[in-house]
Each structure stands twice: as C-alpha cells, then as structure tokens.
N, C-alpha and C. Protein backbone atom coordinates (compact mmCIF):
# COMPACT_ATOMS: atom_id res chain seq x y z
N MET A 1 -13.67 -3.94 -14.43
CA MET A 1 -14.32 -2.77 -13.87
C MET A 1 -13.26 -1.79 -13.42
N SER A 2 -13.42 -0.52 -13.70
CA SER A 2 -12.42 0.48 -13.33
C SER A 2 -12.67 1.00 -11.93
N ALA A 3 -11.60 1.54 -11.34
CA ALA A 3 -11.69 2.10 -10.00
C ALA A 3 -12.45 3.42 -10.07
N PRO A 4 -13.10 3.82 -8.95
CA PRO A 4 -13.79 5.09 -8.94
C PRO A 4 -12.81 6.25 -9.15
N ALA A 5 -13.30 7.29 -9.79
CA ALA A 5 -12.46 8.45 -10.04
C ALA A 5 -12.14 9.15 -8.72
N LEU A 6 -10.91 9.60 -8.61
CA LEU A 6 -10.48 10.33 -7.42
C LEU A 6 -10.51 11.81 -7.74
N THR A 7 -11.17 12.58 -6.90
CA THR A 7 -11.29 14.01 -7.14
C THR A 7 -10.55 14.78 -6.07
N ALA A 8 -9.62 15.61 -6.50
CA ALA A 8 -8.85 16.44 -5.59
C ALA A 8 -9.58 17.75 -5.35
N LEU A 9 -9.27 18.37 -4.22
CA LEU A 9 -9.79 19.71 -3.97
C LEU A 9 -9.32 20.64 -5.08
N PRO A 10 -10.12 21.62 -5.45
CA PRO A 10 -9.63 22.63 -6.39
C PRO A 10 -8.42 23.33 -5.77
N PRO A 11 -7.51 23.83 -6.61
CA PRO A 11 -6.28 24.45 -6.08
C PRO A 11 -6.52 25.54 -5.03
N ALA A 12 -7.53 26.37 -5.20
CA ALA A 12 -7.78 27.43 -4.22
C ALA A 12 -8.18 26.85 -2.87
N GLU A 13 -8.98 25.77 -2.85
CA GLU A 13 -9.39 25.14 -1.60
C GLU A 13 -8.21 24.40 -0.95
N ALA A 14 -7.40 23.75 -1.78
CA ALA A 14 -6.21 23.08 -1.25
C ALA A 14 -5.27 24.10 -0.63
N GLY A 15 -5.11 25.23 -1.30
CA GLY A 15 -4.26 26.29 -0.77
C GLY A 15 -4.79 26.86 0.54
N ALA A 16 -6.12 27.02 0.63
CA ALA A 16 -6.72 27.51 1.87
C ALA A 16 -6.48 26.53 3.02
N LEU A 17 -6.54 25.24 2.72
CA LEU A 17 -6.26 24.22 3.73
C LEU A 17 -4.80 24.31 4.18
N LEU A 18 -3.89 24.49 3.22
CA LEU A 18 -2.48 24.63 3.55
C LEU A 18 -2.26 25.86 4.45
N ARG A 19 -2.86 26.97 4.09
CA ARG A 19 -2.73 28.20 4.88
C ARG A 19 -3.27 27.96 6.30
N ALA A 20 -4.40 27.29 6.42
CA ALA A 20 -4.97 27.03 7.74
C ALA A 20 -4.02 26.20 8.59
N ARG A 21 -3.41 25.18 8.00
CA ARG A 21 -2.47 24.34 8.76
C ARG A 21 -1.23 25.13 9.16
N ARG A 22 -0.75 26.00 8.28
CA ARG A 22 0.40 26.85 8.61
C ARG A 22 0.05 27.79 9.75
N GLU A 23 -1.10 28.41 9.68
CA GLU A 23 -1.50 29.36 10.71
C GLU A 23 -1.78 28.67 12.04
N GLU A 24 -2.28 27.42 12.01
CA GLU A 24 -2.48 26.66 13.25
C GLU A 24 -1.17 26.49 14.00
N ARG A 25 -0.08 26.45 13.28
CA ARG A 25 1.24 26.27 13.89
C ARG A 25 1.96 27.61 14.11
N SER A 26 1.23 28.69 13.88
CA SER A 26 1.76 30.04 14.09
C SER A 26 3.06 30.27 13.32
N LEU A 27 3.10 29.78 12.09
CA LEU A 27 4.28 29.95 11.25
C LEU A 27 4.02 31.01 10.19
N SER A 28 5.00 31.81 9.92
CA SER A 28 4.89 32.79 8.83
C SER A 28 5.23 32.11 7.51
N GLN A 29 4.86 32.76 6.43
CA GLN A 29 5.23 32.23 5.11
C GLN A 29 6.75 32.20 4.98
N GLU A 30 7.42 33.18 5.54
CA GLU A 30 8.88 33.22 5.48
C GLU A 30 9.51 32.04 6.20
N GLN A 31 8.97 31.69 7.37
CA GLN A 31 9.50 30.57 8.14
C GLN A 31 9.32 29.26 7.38
N VAL A 32 8.13 29.06 6.83
CA VAL A 32 7.86 27.83 6.09
C VAL A 32 8.72 27.76 4.84
N ALA A 33 8.81 28.86 4.12
CA ALA A 33 9.63 28.89 2.90
C ALA A 33 11.07 28.50 3.21
N ALA A 34 11.62 29.06 4.28
CA ALA A 34 13.01 28.73 4.65
C ALA A 34 13.15 27.27 5.05
N ALA A 35 12.18 26.75 5.76
CA ALA A 35 12.26 25.38 6.26
C ALA A 35 12.18 24.33 5.15
N VAL A 36 11.44 24.63 4.08
CA VAL A 36 11.30 23.64 3.00
C VAL A 36 12.17 23.94 1.80
N GLY A 37 13.00 24.99 1.88
CA GLY A 37 13.96 25.25 0.82
C GLY A 37 13.46 26.12 -0.32
N LEU A 38 12.38 26.86 -0.10
CA LEU A 38 11.92 27.79 -1.13
C LEU A 38 12.83 29.01 -1.16
N ARG A 39 13.10 29.52 -2.33
CA ARG A 39 13.94 30.71 -2.44
C ARG A 39 13.19 31.96 -1.99
N SER A 40 11.86 31.91 -2.09
CA SER A 40 11.06 33.08 -1.76
C SER A 40 9.72 32.62 -1.19
N PRO A 41 9.16 33.37 -0.25
CA PRO A 41 7.83 33.04 0.26
C PRO A 41 6.74 33.29 -0.77
N ASN A 42 7.06 33.96 -1.87
CA ASN A 42 6.05 34.21 -2.90
C ASN A 42 5.47 32.92 -3.45
N TYR A 43 6.31 31.90 -3.62
CA TYR A 43 5.81 30.62 -4.15
C TYR A 43 4.80 30.01 -3.18
N LEU A 44 5.08 30.11 -1.89
CA LEU A 44 4.15 29.60 -0.89
C LEU A 44 2.83 30.37 -0.98
N SER A 45 2.91 31.67 -1.20
CA SER A 45 1.70 32.48 -1.38
C SER A 45 0.91 31.98 -2.59
N TYR A 46 1.60 31.65 -3.67
CA TYR A 46 0.92 31.13 -4.86
C TYR A 46 0.24 29.79 -4.56
N LEU A 47 0.90 28.96 -3.76
CA LEU A 47 0.28 27.69 -3.38
C LEU A 47 -0.97 27.94 -2.53
N GLU A 48 -0.86 28.86 -1.59
CA GLU A 48 -1.97 29.12 -0.67
C GLU A 48 -3.16 29.80 -1.34
N THR A 49 -2.93 30.49 -2.43
CA THR A 49 -4.04 31.15 -3.15
C THR A 49 -4.55 30.32 -4.31
N GLY A 50 -3.90 29.20 -4.58
CA GLY A 50 -4.35 28.33 -5.67
C GLY A 50 -3.81 28.71 -7.03
N LYS A 51 -2.90 29.68 -7.10
CA LYS A 51 -2.30 30.05 -8.38
C LYS A 51 -1.38 28.95 -8.88
N VAL A 52 -0.83 28.16 -7.93
CA VAL A 52 -0.03 26.98 -8.25
C VAL A 52 -0.70 25.80 -7.56
N ASN A 53 -0.83 24.69 -8.27
CA ASN A 53 -1.50 23.50 -7.74
C ASN A 53 -0.62 22.82 -6.68
N LEU A 54 -1.06 22.85 -5.44
CA LEU A 54 -0.30 22.28 -4.33
C LEU A 54 -0.02 20.80 -4.53
N GLY A 55 -1.00 20.03 -4.95
CA GLY A 55 -0.84 18.59 -5.11
C GLY A 55 0.18 18.19 -6.16
N ARG A 56 0.49 19.10 -7.07
CA ARG A 56 1.47 18.82 -8.12
C ARG A 56 2.82 19.45 -7.85
N SER A 57 2.91 20.21 -6.77
CA SER A 57 4.15 20.90 -6.46
C SER A 57 5.20 19.94 -5.91
N LYS A 58 6.44 20.15 -6.30
CA LYS A 58 7.52 19.32 -5.77
C LYS A 58 7.75 19.60 -4.29
N TYR A 59 7.16 20.66 -3.77
CA TYR A 59 7.30 21.00 -2.36
C TYR A 59 6.17 20.42 -1.50
N PHE A 60 5.26 19.70 -2.12
CA PHE A 60 4.13 19.14 -1.36
C PHE A 60 4.62 18.20 -0.26
N ALA A 61 5.53 17.28 -0.57
CA ALA A 61 6.03 16.33 0.45
C ALA A 61 6.71 17.04 1.61
N PRO A 62 7.62 17.99 1.36
CA PRO A 62 8.22 18.69 2.51
C PRO A 62 7.19 19.48 3.32
N LEU A 63 6.17 20.01 2.65
CA LEU A 63 5.13 20.73 3.38
C LEU A 63 4.30 19.79 4.23
N ILE A 64 4.04 18.59 3.72
CA ILE A 64 3.34 17.58 4.52
C ILE A 64 4.12 17.33 5.80
N GLU A 65 5.41 17.13 5.66
CA GLU A 65 6.28 16.85 6.81
C GLU A 65 6.29 18.01 7.79
N LEU A 66 6.57 19.20 7.31
CA LEU A 66 6.75 20.35 8.18
C LEU A 66 5.45 20.73 8.89
N LEU A 67 4.34 20.72 8.16
CA LEU A 67 3.08 21.18 8.74
C LEU A 67 2.28 20.05 9.36
N GLY A 68 2.79 18.82 9.25
CA GLY A 68 2.10 17.68 9.86
C GLY A 68 0.72 17.46 9.27
N LEU A 69 0.61 17.58 7.94
CA LEU A 69 -0.70 17.37 7.32
C LEU A 69 -1.19 15.96 7.60
N SER A 70 -2.45 15.84 7.91
CA SER A 70 -3.03 14.53 8.22
C SER A 70 -3.24 13.73 6.93
N ARG A 71 -3.49 12.46 7.11
CA ARG A 71 -3.81 11.58 5.97
C ARG A 71 -5.01 12.13 5.22
N GLU A 72 -6.00 12.62 5.97
CA GLU A 72 -7.20 13.16 5.34
C GLU A 72 -6.87 14.40 4.50
N ASP A 73 -5.98 15.26 5.04
CA ASP A 73 -5.57 16.44 4.28
C ASP A 73 -4.90 16.03 2.98
N VAL A 74 -3.97 15.08 3.06
CA VAL A 74 -3.24 14.64 1.87
C VAL A 74 -4.20 14.02 0.86
N GLU A 75 -5.11 13.19 1.34
CA GLU A 75 -6.08 12.56 0.43
C GLU A 75 -6.97 13.60 -0.25
N ALA A 76 -7.34 14.65 0.48
CA ALA A 76 -8.18 15.69 -0.11
C ALA A 76 -7.43 16.48 -1.16
N ILE A 77 -6.16 16.75 -0.91
CA ILE A 77 -5.36 17.57 -1.82
C ILE A 77 -4.88 16.78 -3.03
N ALA A 78 -4.41 15.56 -2.80
CA ALA A 78 -3.85 14.74 -3.88
C ALA A 78 -4.22 13.28 -3.66
N PRO A 79 -5.47 12.90 -3.98
CA PRO A 79 -5.91 11.52 -3.73
C PRO A 79 -5.06 10.46 -4.42
N ALA A 80 -4.54 10.76 -5.59
CA ALA A 80 -3.71 9.78 -6.29
C ALA A 80 -2.41 9.53 -5.55
N LEU A 81 -1.87 10.55 -4.91
CA LEU A 81 -0.66 10.39 -4.12
C LEU A 81 -0.93 9.46 -2.96
N ARG A 82 -2.01 9.66 -2.27
CA ARG A 82 -2.37 8.81 -1.13
C ARG A 82 -2.53 7.38 -1.60
N LEU A 83 -3.19 7.19 -2.73
CA LEU A 83 -3.38 5.86 -3.28
C LEU A 83 -2.05 5.21 -3.60
N SER A 84 -1.13 5.96 -4.22
CA SER A 84 0.16 5.37 -4.58
C SER A 84 0.96 5.03 -3.33
N LEU A 85 0.85 5.84 -2.28
CA LEU A 85 1.54 5.52 -1.04
C LEU A 85 0.95 4.27 -0.40
N ALA A 86 -0.36 4.14 -0.43
CA ALA A 86 -1.01 2.98 0.18
C ALA A 86 -0.70 1.70 -0.59
N GLN A 87 -0.46 1.81 -1.89
CA GLN A 87 -0.19 0.63 -2.69
C GLN A 87 1.28 0.23 -2.69
N SER A 88 2.13 1.10 -2.17
CA SER A 88 3.56 0.77 -2.19
C SER A 88 3.82 -0.42 -1.28
N THR A 89 4.86 -1.15 -1.60
CA THR A 89 5.18 -2.32 -0.80
C THR A 89 6.30 -2.00 0.15
N GLY A 90 6.45 -2.84 1.14
CA GLY A 90 7.53 -2.66 2.09
C GLY A 90 7.16 -1.72 3.21
N ASP A 91 8.11 -1.51 4.09
CA ASP A 91 7.92 -0.66 5.26
C ASP A 91 7.90 0.80 4.83
N SER A 92 6.88 1.53 5.27
CA SER A 92 6.78 2.94 4.89
C SER A 92 7.57 3.84 5.84
N THR A 93 8.13 3.27 6.89
CA THR A 93 8.93 4.07 7.81
C THR A 93 10.26 4.40 7.16
N PRO A 94 10.64 5.68 7.17
CA PRO A 94 11.91 6.04 6.54
C PRO A 94 13.09 5.37 7.24
N THR A 95 14.11 5.03 6.48
CA THR A 95 15.32 4.49 7.05
C THR A 95 16.08 5.61 7.74
N MET A 96 16.56 5.33 8.95
CA MET A 96 17.27 6.37 9.68
C MET A 96 18.73 6.40 9.23
N PRO A 97 19.17 7.55 8.71
CA PRO A 97 20.58 7.67 8.31
C PRO A 97 21.50 7.43 9.51
N SER A 98 22.66 6.88 9.25
CA SER A 98 23.58 6.56 10.34
C SER A 98 24.00 7.81 11.12
N ALA A 99 24.19 8.93 10.45
CA ALA A 99 24.57 10.16 11.16
C ALA A 99 23.44 10.63 12.07
N LEU A 100 22.19 10.39 11.67
CA LEU A 100 21.06 10.73 12.55
C LEU A 100 21.04 9.81 13.76
N ARG A 101 21.30 8.52 13.55
CA ARG A 101 21.39 7.58 14.69
C ARG A 101 22.47 8.05 15.67
N GLU A 102 23.60 8.47 15.12
CA GLU A 102 24.69 8.97 15.97
C GLU A 102 24.26 10.22 16.73
N ALA A 103 23.53 11.11 16.06
CA ALA A 103 23.06 12.34 16.72
C ALA A 103 22.11 11.99 17.87
N VAL A 104 21.22 11.03 17.64
CA VAL A 104 20.28 10.61 18.70
C VAL A 104 21.07 10.07 19.88
N SER A 105 22.06 9.23 19.59
CA SER A 105 22.87 8.64 20.65
C SER A 105 23.69 9.70 21.39
N GLU A 106 24.29 10.60 20.63
CA GLU A 106 25.19 11.60 21.21
C GLU A 106 24.46 12.73 21.92
N TYR A 107 23.32 13.16 21.37
CA TYR A 107 22.64 14.35 21.90
C TYR A 107 21.30 14.06 22.57
N GLY A 108 20.90 12.79 22.61
CA GLY A 108 19.60 12.43 23.18
C GLY A 108 19.43 12.82 24.64
N ASP A 109 20.52 12.78 25.42
CA ASP A 109 20.41 13.18 26.83
C ASP A 109 20.10 14.66 26.97
N LYS A 110 20.74 15.47 26.16
CA LYS A 110 20.53 16.92 26.24
C LYS A 110 19.25 17.36 25.53
N PHE A 111 18.87 16.64 24.48
CA PHE A 111 17.66 16.94 23.71
C PHE A 111 16.78 15.67 23.68
N PRO A 112 16.01 15.41 24.76
CA PRO A 112 15.27 14.16 24.87
C PRO A 112 14.26 13.91 23.74
N GLU A 113 13.78 14.97 23.09
CA GLU A 113 12.85 14.76 21.98
C GLU A 113 13.50 13.95 20.86
N LEU A 114 14.81 14.01 20.74
CA LEU A 114 15.49 13.22 19.71
C LEU A 114 15.30 11.72 19.94
N LEU A 115 14.99 11.33 21.17
CA LEU A 115 14.77 9.92 21.48
C LEU A 115 13.36 9.46 21.08
N ASP A 116 12.49 10.41 20.80
CA ASP A 116 11.11 10.10 20.44
C ASP A 116 11.04 9.55 19.01
N PRO A 117 10.42 8.38 18.83
CA PRO A 117 10.32 7.80 17.48
C PRO A 117 9.60 8.72 16.48
N GLY A 118 8.65 9.52 16.96
CA GLY A 118 7.96 10.45 16.06
C GLY A 118 8.90 11.48 15.47
N TRP A 119 9.76 12.03 16.32
CA TRP A 119 10.75 12.99 15.84
C TRP A 119 11.75 12.30 14.92
N GLN A 120 12.20 11.11 15.30
CA GLN A 120 13.17 10.40 14.48
C GLN A 120 12.60 10.13 13.08
N GLU A 121 11.34 9.71 13.03
CA GLU A 121 10.71 9.43 11.74
C GLU A 121 10.57 10.71 10.92
N THR A 122 10.20 11.80 11.58
CA THR A 122 10.07 13.08 10.88
C THR A 122 11.42 13.52 10.30
N LEU A 123 12.45 13.46 11.11
CA LEU A 123 13.77 13.86 10.65
C LEU A 123 14.27 12.95 9.53
N ALA A 124 14.12 11.65 9.72
CA ALA A 124 14.61 10.69 8.72
C ALA A 124 13.85 10.80 7.41
N GLY A 125 12.59 11.23 7.48
CA GLY A 125 11.76 11.32 6.28
C GLY A 125 11.92 12.62 5.51
N ALA A 126 12.68 13.55 6.04
CA ALA A 126 12.85 14.84 5.37
C ALA A 126 13.60 14.67 4.05
N ARG A 127 13.20 15.45 3.08
CA ARG A 127 13.86 15.43 1.77
C ARG A 127 14.51 16.79 1.56
N PHE A 128 15.70 16.77 1.03
CA PHE A 128 16.47 18.00 0.88
C PHE A 128 16.86 18.20 -0.57
N ARG A 129 16.83 19.45 -0.98
CA ARG A 129 17.35 19.82 -2.31
C ARG A 129 18.83 20.08 -2.15
N GLY A 130 19.64 19.46 -2.98
CA GLY A 130 21.07 19.72 -2.96
C GLY A 130 21.78 19.14 -1.75
N GLY A 131 21.30 18.04 -1.22
CA GLY A 131 21.95 17.41 -0.08
C GLY A 131 21.27 17.78 1.22
N GLY A 132 21.67 17.10 2.27
CA GLY A 132 21.08 17.33 3.57
C GLY A 132 22.11 17.11 4.65
N PRO A 133 21.65 16.98 5.88
CA PRO A 133 22.60 16.75 6.98
C PRO A 133 23.45 15.52 6.74
N GLU A 134 24.76 15.66 7.00
CA GLU A 134 25.68 14.55 6.77
C GLU A 134 26.38 14.09 8.04
N THR A 135 26.41 14.94 9.05
CA THR A 135 27.10 14.59 10.29
C THR A 135 26.10 14.67 11.44
N PRO A 136 26.42 14.08 12.59
CA PRO A 136 25.53 14.21 13.74
C PRO A 136 25.28 15.69 14.11
N GLU A 137 26.30 16.51 13.96
CA GLU A 137 26.14 17.94 14.27
C GLU A 137 25.17 18.60 13.30
N ASP A 138 25.24 18.20 12.01
CA ASP A 138 24.30 18.73 11.02
C ASP A 138 22.86 18.35 11.39
N TRP A 139 22.66 17.09 11.80
CA TRP A 139 21.33 16.63 12.17
C TRP A 139 20.81 17.38 13.39
N LEU A 140 21.69 17.63 14.35
CA LEU A 140 21.28 18.40 15.53
C LEU A 140 20.88 19.81 15.11
N ASP A 141 21.65 20.44 14.26
CA ASP A 141 21.31 21.77 13.77
C ASP A 141 19.96 21.77 13.06
N TYR A 142 19.73 20.76 12.22
CA TYR A 142 18.46 20.65 11.49
C TYR A 142 17.30 20.47 12.48
N TYR A 143 17.47 19.56 13.44
CA TYR A 143 16.44 19.34 14.46
C TYR A 143 16.12 20.65 15.19
N ARG A 144 17.14 21.36 15.61
CA ARG A 144 16.93 22.60 16.37
C ARG A 144 16.23 23.66 15.52
N PHE A 145 16.56 23.70 14.22
CA PHE A 145 15.90 24.64 13.32
C PHE A 145 14.41 24.30 13.21
N ILE A 146 14.10 23.04 12.94
CA ILE A 146 12.71 22.62 12.80
C ILE A 146 11.97 22.81 14.13
N ARG A 147 12.60 22.48 15.22
CA ARG A 147 11.97 22.59 16.54
C ARG A 147 11.55 24.02 16.85
N ARG A 148 12.32 24.98 16.37
CA ARG A 148 11.98 26.38 16.62
C ARG A 148 10.62 26.74 16.02
N TYR A 149 10.23 26.07 14.95
CA TYR A 149 9.02 26.44 14.23
C TYR A 149 7.87 25.45 14.39
N THR A 150 8.00 24.50 15.26
CA THR A 150 6.91 23.55 15.49
C THR A 150 6.57 23.52 16.96
N LYS A 151 5.35 23.12 17.23
CA LYS A 151 4.90 22.98 18.60
C LYS A 151 4.85 21.49 18.93
N PRO A 152 5.16 21.12 20.18
CA PRO A 152 5.04 19.71 20.53
C PRO A 152 3.58 19.28 20.54
N ARG A 153 3.35 18.01 20.25
CA ARG A 153 2.00 17.48 20.36
C ARG A 153 1.58 17.52 21.82
N ILE A 154 0.30 17.42 22.04
CA ILE A 154 -0.22 17.43 23.41
C ILE A 154 0.38 16.29 24.22
N ASP A 155 0.57 15.13 23.60
CA ASP A 155 1.15 14.00 24.33
C ASP A 155 2.66 14.16 24.52
N GLY A 156 3.22 15.25 23.97
CA GLY A 156 4.64 15.54 24.15
C GLY A 156 5.55 14.85 23.17
N SER A 157 5.02 14.06 22.26
CA SER A 157 5.88 13.33 21.35
C SER A 157 5.81 13.89 19.94
N GLY A 158 6.95 13.95 19.30
CA GLY A 158 7.04 14.34 17.91
C GLY A 158 6.52 15.73 17.63
N PRO A 159 6.76 16.21 16.42
CA PRO A 159 6.26 17.53 16.04
C PRO A 159 4.79 17.46 15.71
N SER A 160 4.12 18.56 15.81
CA SER A 160 2.72 18.59 15.40
C SER A 160 2.55 19.56 14.25
C-alpha cells in the first residue's frame, strides 16, 4: 500500500506565508536578503509572490532558520522535506563548531543569550554559501548581526 500523497501549498500561498512571517518580525526584504546571502532582495520578492517556488529554493533552509518558521509552516510549504527530516536517523541537533563553543565560553558573560541552547542551536544550524564563521570573533559578529534583526521570544530564550 502506498503512502498518502503530500500536497504543498501553491507557490503564491507559500510566498504569502513567508511574507507574513517576515513582517511579524518587522524585517525588510533587504534585511532578510542580506542575512541569508541573497545578492538582491528581488529574489525574496519572487519567493513571496510565488514566482519562484519557496519549497524548492536553496534558500528555504536559511529562511526557516532566520524567520523561525514552525514545523507546521514547513510541512505546509514542503511536506516532503518535513517527511525526510522526520525519517532521518540520529540526533537532529546540529553539531556545535568548536569556534562557536569558544565564542560561547569567551563572550557568554557579556552576551548571555549565547549561553541559551536555543541560540546555540540556531547558530550551529546555520548554513553558509562560500564558508562561514571560522573564529570565535567571527561567530560573535554573526550572532550580533542576526540578533539585530530578530526579536527575543517571550520566554527570553533563543530567536523568534
């Protein structure tokens, strides 16, 4: 017996959901584009209007991270992705790079949010085009950049 068919939101509806999540965080298209490595905010506009399929975009994962898309959002946009993540084996928590561990140790007193497991998981799970932070100072710079564009959760932990 075959599994039930998974139906994704149409691209325009997925894009509207993405726009709503971006606006909930009071982020401009320019801010989001810069944070996820887009060369231009025009591509984000194409995603938000459905001209480009969000669920098939290579920027979907970084957008999930940055905008804090919920499991329900991800399942609605790309149900097959959610299924493949659920079927994967092993720990789904990203491995913390050693330079990030050093940054937490070195800068955690001055930036207490770095001690929060939610922030650590978010930072460790980030994917970068052409390399990423390599030193504790790089990780601190990345954290401070992301922090400028996110609001803390109501419970005070991790990005929202």
